[in-house]
């Protein structure tokens, strides 16, 4: 009330019998229902979307690996542009040493490459690890890249993509673009945070009880 414009209102308020503090007291609305802790809230109507598609791909040894094999546990899927992409090699080399750290958090790692099986074999040899720290799979047809929207339809080129899937096969976090995602430390920390979040259940109400409204200040986002 000490702002000059409001201070000039004080004598007028007194003249009309409102006293020195003429402000209307704030009252808590009674139609907001149960207020859960804000830290537990996300967008009320948003749910993580399921992975765009299942797939069955082969690794450098010819072994078939299915995404459904990982059902029931979280997994990070990295789409990279093959051994010929130096940025991709750098990305894979950043994540490979952290495989055990992700595994300790219950999270598997998978690499999906644009290399054909022959080139994928050369890639593994080039990385100097056989077997590699986590499965590297061939999607030379780019069918998975297209299904997962890591393909630029205008440029007709595959894109870099990193995805975190929970145990139910839902995408909790993703990064798609022309540059590979490099920050393994961030993703491990963020994966732990996202996977530890518990759903907030709405209070049960009888059919005769009118619905309540709740307001979230959380901004919508991709987790």
Protein backbone atom coordinates (compact mmCIF):
# COMPACT_ATOMS: atom_id res chain seq x y z
CA UNK A 1 0.00 0.00 0.00
CA UNK A 2 3.04 2.31 0.07
CA UNK A 3 3.11 2.55 -3.73
CA UNK A 4 2.29 6.21 -4.51
CA UNK A 5 -0.80 5.43 -6.57
CA UNK A 6 -2.25 3.27 -3.78
CA UNK A 7 -1.12 5.62 -1.02
CA UNK A 8 -3.33 8.32 -2.53
CA UNK A 9 -6.30 5.97 -2.15
CA UNK A 10 -5.88 5.68 1.63
CA UNK A 11 -7.64 8.95 2.63
CA UNK A 12 -10.44 8.18 0.16
CA UNK A 13 -10.83 4.70 1.63
CA UNK A 14 -11.01 6.15 5.15
CA UNK A 15 -13.66 8.65 4.00
CA UNK A 16 -15.82 5.77 2.83
CA UNK A 17 -15.28 3.90 6.10
CA UNK A 18 -12.89 1.20 4.88
CA UNK A 19 -10.12 1.97 7.38
CA UNK A 20 -6.44 2.34 6.63
CA UNK A 21 -6.15 -1.12 5.06
CA UNK A 22 -8.83 -0.99 2.38
CA UNK A 23 -7.78 -4.22 0.63
CA UNK A 24 -10.24 -7.10 0.38
CA UNK A 25 -9.05 -10.08 2.40
CA UNK A 26 -7.99 -13.02 0.27
CA UNK A 27 -10.10 -16.11 0.81
CA UNK A 28 -9.08 -19.65 -0.07
CA UNK A 29 -11.41 -21.16 -2.72
CA UNK A 30 -13.39 -24.11 -1.46
CA UNK A 31 -13.80 -25.89 -4.80
CA UNK A 32 -10.19 -26.91 -5.41
CA UNK A 33 -10.36 -30.39 -3.87
CA UNK A 34 -7.37 -32.13 -2.33
CA UNK A 35 -4.12 -30.29 -2.92
CA UNK A 36 -1.22 -32.72 -3.38
CA UNK A 37 2.36 -31.62 -2.91
CA UNK A 38 3.35 -29.53 -5.94
CA UNK A 39 6.58 -31.51 -6.36
CA UNK A 40 4.51 -34.58 -7.24
CA UNK A 41 2.46 -32.88 -9.93
CA UNK A 42 2.87 -32.87 -13.66
CA UNK A 43 0.37 -32.00 -16.37
CA UNK A 44 -2.90 -33.68 -15.40
CA UNK A 45 -4.00 -34.74 -18.86
CA UNK A 46 -0.62 -35.69 -20.30
CA UNK A 47 0.66 -39.25 -20.21
CA UNK A 48 3.92 -40.60 -21.66
CA UNK A 49 3.29 -41.96 -25.13
CA UNK A 50 4.20 -45.53 -26.04
CA UNK A 51 7.25 -46.16 -28.18
CA UNK A 52 6.37 -45.48 -31.84
CA UNK A 53 6.94 -49.11 -32.82
CA UNK A 54 8.47 -52.38 -31.75
CA UNK A 55 11.40 -53.63 -33.80
CA UNK A 56 13.55 -56.67 -34.42
CA UNK A 57 17.13 -55.90 -35.52
CA UNK A 58 20.42 -57.77 -35.74
CA UNK A 59 23.73 -56.98 -34.10
CA UNK A 60 27.23 -57.35 -35.59
CA UNK A 61 27.26 -61.09 -34.87
CA UNK A 62 23.91 -61.64 -36.57
CA UNK A 63 22.05 -62.09 -33.30
CA UNK A 64 18.46 -60.81 -33.38
CA UNK A 65 17.47 -58.33 -30.68
CA UNK A 66 13.90 -57.16 -30.14
CA UNK A 67 12.79 -54.05 -28.31
CA UNK A 68 10.14 -56.22 -26.64
CA UNK A 69 13.00 -58.19 -25.03
CA UNK A 70 13.47 -55.20 -22.75
CA UNK A 71 9.84 -54.98 -21.69
CA UNK A 72 9.59 -54.63 -17.94
CA UNK A 73 12.74 -52.58 -17.47
CA UNK A 74 13.86 -49.11 -18.54
CA UNK A 75 16.07 -48.72 -21.58
CA UNK A 76 17.87 -45.89 -23.37
CA UNK A 77 17.75 -46.24 -27.16
CA UNK A 78 20.32 -44.24 -29.14
CA UNK A 79 19.77 -43.69 -32.87
CA UNK A 80 23.10 -42.81 -34.46
CA UNK A 81 24.30 -42.32 -38.00
CA UNK A 82 26.85 -45.09 -38.19
CA UNK A 83 30.57 -45.33 -37.74
CA UNK A 84 31.16 -42.81 -40.52
CA UNK A 85 29.69 -40.00 -38.38
CA UNK A 86 32.48 -38.70 -36.13
CA UNK A 87 30.00 -36.98 -33.82
CA UNK A 88 28.15 -40.28 -33.43
CA UNK A 89 31.37 -42.11 -32.61
CA UNK A 90 32.04 -39.48 -29.95
CA UNK A 91 28.52 -39.96 -28.57
CA UNK A 92 28.83 -43.75 -28.40
CA UNK A 93 32.23 -43.44 -26.73
CA UNK A 94 30.74 -41.13 -24.11
CA UNK A 95 27.92 -43.53 -23.24
CA UNK A 96 29.89 -46.78 -23.40
CA UNK A 97 31.94 -46.15 -20.20
CA UNK A 98 28.72 -45.30 -18.35
CA UNK A 99 27.01 -48.59 -19.20
CA UNK A 100 27.63 -49.99 -15.73
CA UNK A 101 26.32 -46.80 -14.10
CA UNK A 102 23.10 -47.04 -16.11
CA UNK A 103 22.87 -50.76 -15.32
CA UNK A 104 23.24 -50.00 -11.60
CA UNK A 105 20.17 -47.79 -11.97
CA UNK A 106 18.34 -50.66 -13.70
CA UNK A 107 18.61 -49.06 -17.16
CA UNK A 108 19.88 -50.82 -20.29
CA UNK A 109 21.49 -49.11 -23.29
CA UNK A 110 20.94 -49.95 -26.96
CA UNK A 111 22.43 -48.35 -30.08
CA UNK A 112 20.51 -48.41 -33.37
CA UNK A 113 22.75 -47.60 -36.33
CA UNK A 114 22.28 -46.77 -39.99
CA UNK A 115 25.20 -49.11 -40.78
CA UNK A 116 24.56 -52.33 -42.65
CA UNK A 117 25.61 -55.56 -40.83
CA UNK A 118 29.03 -55.63 -42.52
CA UNK A 119 29.81 -52.04 -41.60
CA UNK A 120 28.44 -52.60 -38.11
CA UNK A 121 30.99 -55.39 -37.63
CA UNK A 122 33.74 -52.99 -38.71
CA UNK A 123 32.33 -50.41 -36.30
CA UNK A 124 32.59 -52.74 -33.32
CA UNK A 125 36.17 -53.57 -34.29
CA UNK A 126 36.87 -49.86 -34.67
CA UNK A 127 35.57 -49.15 -31.18
CA UNK A 128 38.09 -51.68 -29.89
CA UNK A 129 35.56 -53.61 -27.82
CA UNK A 130 34.20 -57.00 -28.79
CA UNK A 131 31.66 -57.54 -27.51
CA UNK A 132 30.77 -53.87 -27.21
CA UNK A 133 29.59 -52.46 -23.87
CA UNK A 134 25.96 -52.48 -25.06
CA UNK A 135 24.19 -53.87 -28.16
CA UNK A 136 24.75 -52.02 -31.44
CA UNK A 137 22.10 -52.93 -34.01
CA UNK A 138 21.72 -52.40 -37.74
CA UNK A 139 18.77 -50.48 -39.21
CA UNK A 140 20.23 -50.08 -42.70
CA UNK A 141 16.72 -49.92 -44.18
CA UNK A 142 15.99 -46.90 -41.91
CA UNK A 143 12.55 -48.33 -41.19
CA UNK A 144 13.02 -47.82 -37.45
CA UNK A 145 14.41 -44.33 -37.97
CA UNK A 146 11.31 -43.39 -39.97
CA UNK A 147 8.90 -44.99 -37.50
CA UNK A 148 10.56 -43.20 -34.56
CA UNK A 149 10.64 -39.86 -36.43
CA UNK A 150 14.42 -39.69 -36.49
CA UNK A 151 14.32 -39.14 -40.23
CA UNK A 152 14.15 -35.78 -41.98
CA UNK A 153 11.58 -36.28 -44.75
CA UNK A 154 12.55 -32.99 -46.40
CA UNK A 155 16.30 -33.61 -46.50
CA UNK A 156 15.84 -37.38 -46.87
CA UNK A 157 18.42 -37.91 -44.15
CA UNK A 158 18.37 -39.77 -40.81
CA UNK A 159 18.58 -37.74 -37.61
CA UNK A 160 20.20 -38.31 -34.24
CA UNK A 161 17.85 -39.48 -31.51
CA UNK A 162 18.13 -40.50 -27.87
CA UNK A 163 15.11 -41.98 -26.06
CA UNK A 164 14.40 -43.06 -22.50
CA UNK A 165 11.73 -45.75 -22.27
CA UNK A 166 10.26 -46.93 -18.99
CA UNK A 167 9.44 -50.53 -18.17
CA UNK A 168 6.05 -50.22 -19.85
CA UNK A 169 7.61 -49.15 -23.13
CA UNK A 170 6.59 -45.50 -22.78
CA UNK A 171 8.83 -42.64 -23.91
CA UNK A 172 9.67 -40.63 -20.80
CA UNK A 173 12.31 -38.39 -22.39
CA UNK A 174 13.72 -37.85 -25.87
CA UNK A 175 16.11 -35.70 -27.84
CA UNK A 176 15.92 -35.63 -31.65
CA UNK A 177 17.95 -33.37 -33.89
CA UNK A 178 20.86 -32.81 -36.22
CA UNK A 179 23.35 -33.10 -33.35
CA UNK A 180 23.75 -36.18 -31.11
CA UNK A 181 22.96 -35.89 -27.42
CA UNK A 182 26.26 -36.09 -25.55
CA UNK A 183 25.53 -35.52 -21.85
CA UNK A 184 25.41 -39.03 -20.39
CA UNK A 185 25.63 -37.67 -16.83
CA UNK A 186 22.54 -35.51 -17.31
CA UNK A 187 20.54 -38.33 -18.87
CA UNK A 188 21.43 -40.75 -16.06
CA UNK A 189 20.38 -38.22 -13.41
CA UNK A 190 17.23 -37.24 -15.29
CA UNK A 191 16.33 -40.88 -15.94
CA UNK A 192 16.52 -41.66 -12.23
CA UNK A 193 14.33 -38.65 -11.44
CA UNK A 194 11.70 -39.47 -14.06
CA UNK A 195 11.54 -43.18 -13.31
CA UNK A 196 11.20 -42.57 -9.57
CA UNK A 197 8.17 -40.32 -10.01
CA UNK A 198 5.00 -41.91 -8.72
CA UNK A 199 1.60 -41.21 -10.21
CA UNK A 200 -0.68 -38.94 -8.18
CA UNK A 201 -4.01 -40.65 -7.71
CA UNK A 202 -7.14 -38.53 -7.68
CA UNK A 203 -9.27 -38.90 -4.53
CA UNK A 204 -12.15 -41.29 -4.92
CA UNK A 205 -15.60 -39.74 -4.89
CA UNK A 206 -19.11 -41.07 -4.97
CA UNK A 207 -21.36 -40.50 -8.01
CA UNK A 208 -23.32 -37.93 -6.03
CA UNK A 209 -20.29 -35.90 -5.10
CA UNK A 210 -19.73 -32.98 -7.48
CA UNK A 211 -16.37 -33.00 -9.26
CA UNK A 212 -13.66 -30.75 -7.91
CA UNK A 213 -11.16 -28.66 -9.75
CA UNK A 214 -7.44 -28.57 -9.12
CA UNK A 215 -4.96 -26.15 -10.58
CA UNK A 216 -1.41 -27.14 -11.52
CA UNK A 217 1.32 -24.57 -11.99
CA UNK A 218 3.61 -27.15 -13.57
CA UNK A 219 4.45 -26.47 -17.18
CA UNK A 220 3.79 -29.29 -19.66
CA UNK A 221 6.90 -31.09 -20.88
CA UNK A 222 8.28 -34.41 -22.40
CA UNK A 223 9.51 -36.69 -19.69
